């Protein structure tokens, strides 16, 4: 049985690559844009940590 429902996850960064914090207003605006486009959004406020290696540099 196939469902027309889909789930998407969008991870928003809390800091820029230079270490500056992303403004909370920008995060709120991003959520509202998703609501405007899709009609709904939910979010979790947990913090995920990770590392990215690009071009041999971490």
PDB file of N, CA and C in Angstrom:
ATOM      1  N   UNK A   1       0.849  -1.170   0.000  1.00  0.00           N
ATOM      2  CA  UNK A   1       0.000   0.000   0.000  1.00  0.00           C
ATOM      3  C   UNK A   1       0.901   1.241   0.000  1.00  0.00           C
ATOM      4  N   UNK A   2       0.603   2.167  -0.879  1.00  0.00           N
ATOM      5  CA  UNK A   2       1.396   3.387  -0.984  1.00  0.00           C
ATOM      6  C   UNK A   2       0.670   4.545  -0.306  1.00  0.00           C
ATOM      7  N   UNK A   3       1.420   5.373   0.374  1.00  0.00           N
ATOM      8  CA  UNK A   3       0.847   6.530   1.062  1.00  0.00           C
ATOM      9  C   UNK A   3       1.267   7.811   0.355  1.00  0.00           C
ATOM     10  N   UNK A   4       0.387   8.787   0.325  1.00  0.00           N
ATOM     11  CA  UNK A   4       0.715  10.085  -0.258  1.00  0.00           C
ATOM     12  C   UNK A   4       1.426  10.982   0.749  1.00  0.00           C
ATOM     13  N   UNK A   5       1.475  10.571   2.004  1.00  0.00           N
ATOM     14  CA  UNK A   5       2.127  11.363   3.041  1.00  0.00           C
ATOM     15  C   UNK A   5       3.629  11.171   2.968  1.00  0.00           C
ATOM     16  N   UNK A   6       4.347  12.241   3.167  1.00  0.00           N
ATOM     17  CA  UNK A   6       5.805  12.192   3.211  1.00  0.00           C
ATOM     18  C   UNK A   6       6.292  12.991   4.404  1.00  0.00           C
ATOM     19  N   UNK A   7       7.422  12.580   4.949  1.00  0.00           N
ATOM     20  CA  UNK A   7       8.038  13.303   6.058  1.00  0.00           C
ATOM     21  C   UNK A   7       9.402  13.785   5.602  1.00  0.00           C
ATOM     22  N   UNK A   8       9.690  15.033   5.880  1.00  0.00           N
ATOM     23  CA  UNK A   8      10.980  15.615   5.548  1.00  0.00           C
ATOM     24  C   UNK A   8      11.589  16.195   6.812  1.00  0.00           C
ATOM     25  N   UNK A   9      12.881  16.073   6.941  1.00  0.00           N
ATOM     26  CA  UNK A   9      13.590  16.685   8.065  1.00  0.00           C
ATOM     27  C   UNK A   9      14.545  17.719   7.504  1.00  0.00           C
ATOM     28  N   UNK A  10      14.534  18.894   8.092  1.00  0.00           N
ATOM     29  CA  UNK A  10      15.447  19.962   7.723  1.00  0.00           C
ATOM     30  C   UNK A  10      16.215  20.340   8.978  1.00  0.00           C
ATOM     31  N   UNK A  11      17.514  20.219   8.927  1.00  0.00           N
ATOM     32  CA  UNK A  11      18.346  20.565  10.078  1.00  0.00           C
ATOM     33  C   UNK A  11      18.906  21.962   9.855  1.00  0.00           C
ATOM     34  N   UNK A  12      18.604  22.862  10.759  1.00  0.00           N
ATOM     35  CA  UNK A  12      19.076  24.238  10.659  1.00  0.00           C
ATOM     36  C   UNK A  12      20.274  24.432  11.582  1.00  0.00           C
ATOM     37  N   UNK A  13      21.321  25.057  11.088  1.00  0.00           N
ATOM     38  CA  UNK A  13      22.502  25.275  11.932  1.00  0.00           C
ATOM     39  C   UNK A  13      22.240  26.351  12.975  1.00  0.00           C
ATOM     40  N   UNK A  14      22.848  26.200  14.134  1.00  0.00           N
ATOM     41  CA  UNK A  14      22.735  27.199  15.190  1.00  0.00           C
ATOM     42  C   UNK A  14      23.905  28.173  15.163  1.00  0.00           C
ATOM     43  N   UNK A  15      24.960  27.816  14.403  1.00  0.00           N
ATOM     44  CA  UNK A  15      26.131  28.689  14.278  1.00  0.00           C
ATOM     45  C   UNK A  15      26.593  28.706  12.825  1.00  0.00           C
ATOM     46  N   UNK A  16      27.154  29.854  12.437  1.00  0.00           N
ATOM     47  CA  UNK A  16      27.810  29.948  11.136  1.00  0.00           C
ATOM     48  C   UNK A  16      29.160  29.247  11.229  1.00  0.00           C
ATOM     49  N   UNK A  17      29.777  28.990  10.083  1.00  0.00           N
ATOM     50  CA  UNK A  17      31.061  28.278  10.083  1.00  0.00           C
ATOM     51  C   UNK A  17      32.168  29.062  10.772  1.00  0.00           C
ATOM     52  N   UNK A  18      31.987  30.378  10.937  1.00  0.00           N
ATOM     53  CA  UNK A  18      33.007  31.159  11.656  1.00  0.00           C
ATOM     54  C   UNK A  18      32.739  31.225  13.163  1.00  0.00           C
ATOM     55  N   UNK A  19      31.720  30.489  13.630  1.00  0.00           N
ATOM     56  CA  UNK A  19      31.442  30.404  15.057  1.00  0.00           C
ATOM     57  C   UNK A  19      30.386  31.363  15.574  1.00  0.00           C
ATOM     58  N   UNK A  20      29.979  32.337  14.759  1.00  0.00           N
ATOM     59  CA  UNK A  20      28.936  33.274  15.195  1.00  0.00           C
ATOM     60  C   UNK A  20      27.592  32.555  15.267  1.00  0.00           C
ATOM     61  N   UNK A  21      26.777  32.920  16.261  1.00  0.00           N
ATOM     62  CA  UNK A  21      25.453  32.323  16.410  1.00  0.00           C
ATOM     63  C   UNK A  21      24.501  32.821  15.333  1.00  0.00           C
ATOM     64  N   UNK A  22      23.645  31.927  14.858  1.00  0.00           N
ATOM     65  CA  UNK A  22      22.552  32.315  13.967  1.00  0.00           C
ATOM     66  C   UNK A  22      21.473  32.937  14.849  1.00  0.00           C
ATOM     67  N   UNK A  23      20.964  34.081  14.446  1.00  0.00           N
ATOM     68  CA  UNK A  23      19.952  34.791  15.235  1.00  0.00           C
ATOM     69  C   UNK A  23      18.684  33.953  15.372  1.00  0.00           C
ATOM     70  N   UNK A  24      18.140  33.915  16.581  1.00  0.00           N
ATOM     71  CA  UNK A  24      16.903  33.178  16.822  1.00  0.00           C
ATOM     72  C   UNK A  24      15.771  33.635  15.921  1.00  0.00           C
ATOM     73  N   UNK A  25      15.769  34.920  15.578  1.00  0.00           N
ATOM     74  CA  UNK A  25      14.728  35.438  14.684  1.00  0.00           C
ATOM     75  C   UNK A  25      14.818  34.795  13.304  1.00  0.00           C
ATOM     76  N   UNK A  26      16.040  34.508  12.847  1.00  0.00           N
ATOM     77  CA  UNK A  26      16.215  33.876  11.544  1.00  0.00           C
ATOM     78  C   UNK A  26      15.680  32.446  11.565  1.00  0.00           C
ATOM     79  N   UNK A  27      15.916  31.749  12.682  1.00  0.00           N
ATOM     80  CA  UNK A  27      15.406  30.379  12.809  1.00  0.00           C
ATOM     81  C   UNK A  27      13.879  30.389  12.829  1.00  0.00           C
ATOM     82  N   UNK A  28      13.304  31.333  13.583  1.00  0.00           N
ATOM     83  CA  UNK A  28      11.840  31.444  13.649  1.00  0.00           C
ATOM     84  C   UNK A  28      11.271  31.766  12.274  1.00  0.00           C
ATOM     85  N   UNK A  29      11.939  32.644  11.540  1.00  0.00           N
ATOM     86  CA  UNK A  29      11.480  33.003  10.198  1.00  0.00           C
ATOM     87  C   UNK A  29      11.510  31.793   9.262  1.00  0.00           C
ATOM     88  N   UNK A  30      12.537  30.965   9.401  1.00  0.00           N
ATOM     89  CA  UNK A  30      12.635  29.755   8.568  1.00  0.00           C
ATOM     90  C   UNK A  30      11.465  28.815   8.841  1.00  0.00           C
ATOM     91  N   UNK A  31      11.106  28.642  10.108  1.00  0.00           N
ATOM     92  CA  UNK A  31       9.969  27.782  10.463  1.00  0.00           C
ATOM     93  C   UNK A  31       8.682  28.364   9.884  1.00  0.00           C
ATOM     94  N   UNK A  32       8.495  29.665   9.992  1.00  0.00           N
ATOM     95  CA  UNK A  32       7.278  30.288   9.457  1.00  0.00           C
ATOM     96  C   UNK A  32       7.205  30.185   7.937  1.00  0.00           C
ATOM     97  N   UNK A  33       8.334  30.222   7.261  1.00  0.00           N
ATOM     98  CA  UNK A  33       8.340  30.035   5.807  1.00  0.00           C
ATOM     99  C   UNK A  33       7.881  28.624   5.442  1.00  0.00           C
ATOM    100  N   UNK A  34       8.302  27.635   6.226  1.00  0.00           N
ATOM    101  CA  UNK A  34       7.855  26.255   5.982  1.00  0.00           C
ATOM    102  C   UNK A  34       6.344  26.157   6.193  1.00  0.00           C
ATOM    103  N   UNK A  35       5.849  26.776   7.253  1.00  0.00           N
ATOM    104  CA  UNK A  35       4.399  26.773   7.517  1.00  0.00           C
ATOM    105  C   UNK A  35       3.658  27.443   6.371  1.00  0.00           C
ATOM    106  N   UNK A  36       4.159  28.578   5.895  1.00  0.00           N
ATOM    107  CA  UNK A  36       3.509  29.275   4.783  1.00  0.00           C
ATOM    108  C   UNK A  36       3.445  28.401   3.538  1.00  0.00           C
ATOM    109  N   UNK A  37       4.510  27.658   3.297  1.00  0.00           N
ATOM    110  CA  UNK A  37       4.568  26.849   2.077  1.00  0.00           C
ATOM    111  C   UNK A  37       3.804  25.531   2.186  1.00  0.00           C
ATOM    112  N   UNK A  38       3.936  24.847   3.327  1.00  0.00           N
ATOM    113  CA  UNK A  38       3.370  23.509   3.460  1.00  0.00           C
ATOM    114  C   UNK A  38       2.147  23.433   4.363  1.00  0.00           C
ATOM    115  N   UNK A  39       1.878  24.499   5.121  1.00  0.00           N
ATOM    116  CA  UNK A  39       0.691  24.507   5.969  1.00  0.00           C
ATOM    117  C   UNK A  39       0.931  24.067   7.399  1.00  0.00           C
ATOM    118  N   UNK A  40       2.103  23.539   7.696  1.00  0.00           N
ATOM    119  CA  UNK A  40       2.380  23.078   9.062  1.00  0.00           C
ATOM    120  C   UNK A  40       3.879  22.841   9.219  1.00  0.00           C
ATOM    121  N   UNK A  41       4.306  22.829  10.455  1.00  0.00           N
ATOM    122  CA  UNK A  41       5.692  22.486  10.783  1.00  0.00           C
ATOM    123  C   UNK A  41       5.741  22.113  12.255  1.00  0.00           C
ATOM    124  N   UNK A  42       6.631  21.219  12.581  1.00  0.00           N
ATOM    125  CA  UNK A  42       6.911  20.919  13.984  1.00  0.00           C
ATOM    126  C   UNK A  42       8.423  20.906  14.123  1.00  0.00           C
ATOM    127  N   UNK A  43       8.884  21.130  15.332  1.00  0.00           N
ATOM    128  CA  UNK A  43      10.321  21.163  15.519  1.00  0.00           C
ATOM    129  C   UNK A  43      10.695  20.710  16.917  1.00  0.00           C
ATOM    130  N   UNK A  44      11.930  20.227  17.007  1.00  0.00           N
ATOM    131  CA  UNK A  44      12.509  19.827  18.281  1.00  0.00           C
ATOM    132  C   UNK A  44      13.666  20.776  18.559  1.00  0.00           C
ATOM    133  N   UNK A  45      13.898  21.079  19.796  1.00  0.00           N
ATOM    134  CA  UNK A  45      14.950  22.036  20.139  1.00  0.00           C
ATOM    135  C   UNK A  45      16.220  21.356  20.642  1.00  0.00           C
ATOM    136  N   UNK A  46      16.365  20.078  20.359  1.00  0.00           N
ATOM    137  CA  UNK A  46      17.577  19.393  20.795  1.00  0.00           C
ATOM    138  C   UNK A  46      18.773  19.879  19.989  1.00  0.00           C
ATOM    139  N   UNK A  47      19.939  19.723  20.547  1.00  0.00           N
ATOM    140  CA  UNK A  47      21.166  20.153  19.897  1.00  0.00           C
ATOM    141  C   UNK A  47      21.915  18.923  19.397  1.00  0.00           C
ATOM    142  N   UNK A  48      22.248  18.922  18.113  1.00  0.00           N
ATOM    143  CA  UNK A  48      23.051  17.860  17.523  1.00  0.00           C
ATOM    144  C   UNK A  48      24.441  18.415  17.259  1.00  0.00           C
ATOM    145  N   UNK A  49      25.455  17.609  17.437  1.00  0.00           N
ATOM    146  CA  UNK A  49      26.806  18.037  17.182  1.00  0.00           C
ATOM    147  C   UNK A  49      27.440  17.097  16.160  1.00  0.00           C
ATOM    148  N   UNK A  50      28.320  17.636  15.339  1.00  0.00           N
ATOM    149  CA  UNK A  50      28.982  16.817  14.334  1.00  0.00           C
ATOM    150  C   UNK A  50      30.170  17.541  13.760  1.00  0.00           C
ATOM    151  N   UNK A  51      30.801  16.905  12.796  1.00  0.00           N
ATOM    152  CA  UNK A  51      31.976  17.463  12.132  1.00  0.00           C
ATOM    153  C   UNK A  51      31.817  17.274  10.641  1.00  0.00           C
ATOM    154  N   UNK A  52      32.319  18.222   9.871  1.00  0.00           N
ATOM    155  CA  UNK A  52      32.275  18.158   8.420  1.00  0.00           C
ATOM    156  C   UNK A  52      33.697  18.267   7.882  1.00  0.00           C
ATOM    157  N   UNK A  53      34.043  17.356   7.011  1.00  0.00           N
ATOM    158  CA  UNK A  53      35.348  17.425   6.359  1.00  0.00           C
ATOM    159  C   UNK A  53      35.090  17.790   4.912  1.00  0.00           C
ATOM    160  N   UNK A  54      35.704  18.878   4.449  1.00  0.00           N
ATOM    161  CA  UNK A  54      35.509  19.347   3.077  1.00  0.00           C
ATOM    162  C   UNK A  54      36.875  19.627   2.449  1.00  0.00           C
ATOM    163  N   UNK A  55      37.160  18.986   1.366  1.00  0.00           N
ATOM    164  CA  UNK A  55      38.451  19.186   0.709  1.00  0.00           C
ATOM    165  C   UNK A  55      39.635  18.798   1.578  1.00  0.00           C
ATOM    166  N   UNK A  56      39.444  17.800   2.434  1.00  0.00           N
ATOM    167  CA  UNK A  56      40.516  17.330   3.298  1.00  0.00           C
ATOM    168  C   UNK A  56      40.709  18.174   4.554  1.00  0.00           C
ATOM    169  N   UNK A  57      39.871  19.185   4.727  1.00  0.00           N
ATOM    170  CA  UNK A  57      39.990  20.062   5.894  1.00  0.00           C
ATOM    171  C   UNK A  57      38.804  19.854   6.804  1.00  0.00           C
ATOM    172  N   UNK A  58      39.053  19.797   8.114  1.00  0.00           N
ATOM    173  CA  UNK A  58      37.966  19.622   9.072  1.00  0.00           C
ATOM    174  C   UNK A  58      37.794  20.855   9.886  1.00  0.00           C
TER     175      UNK A  58
END
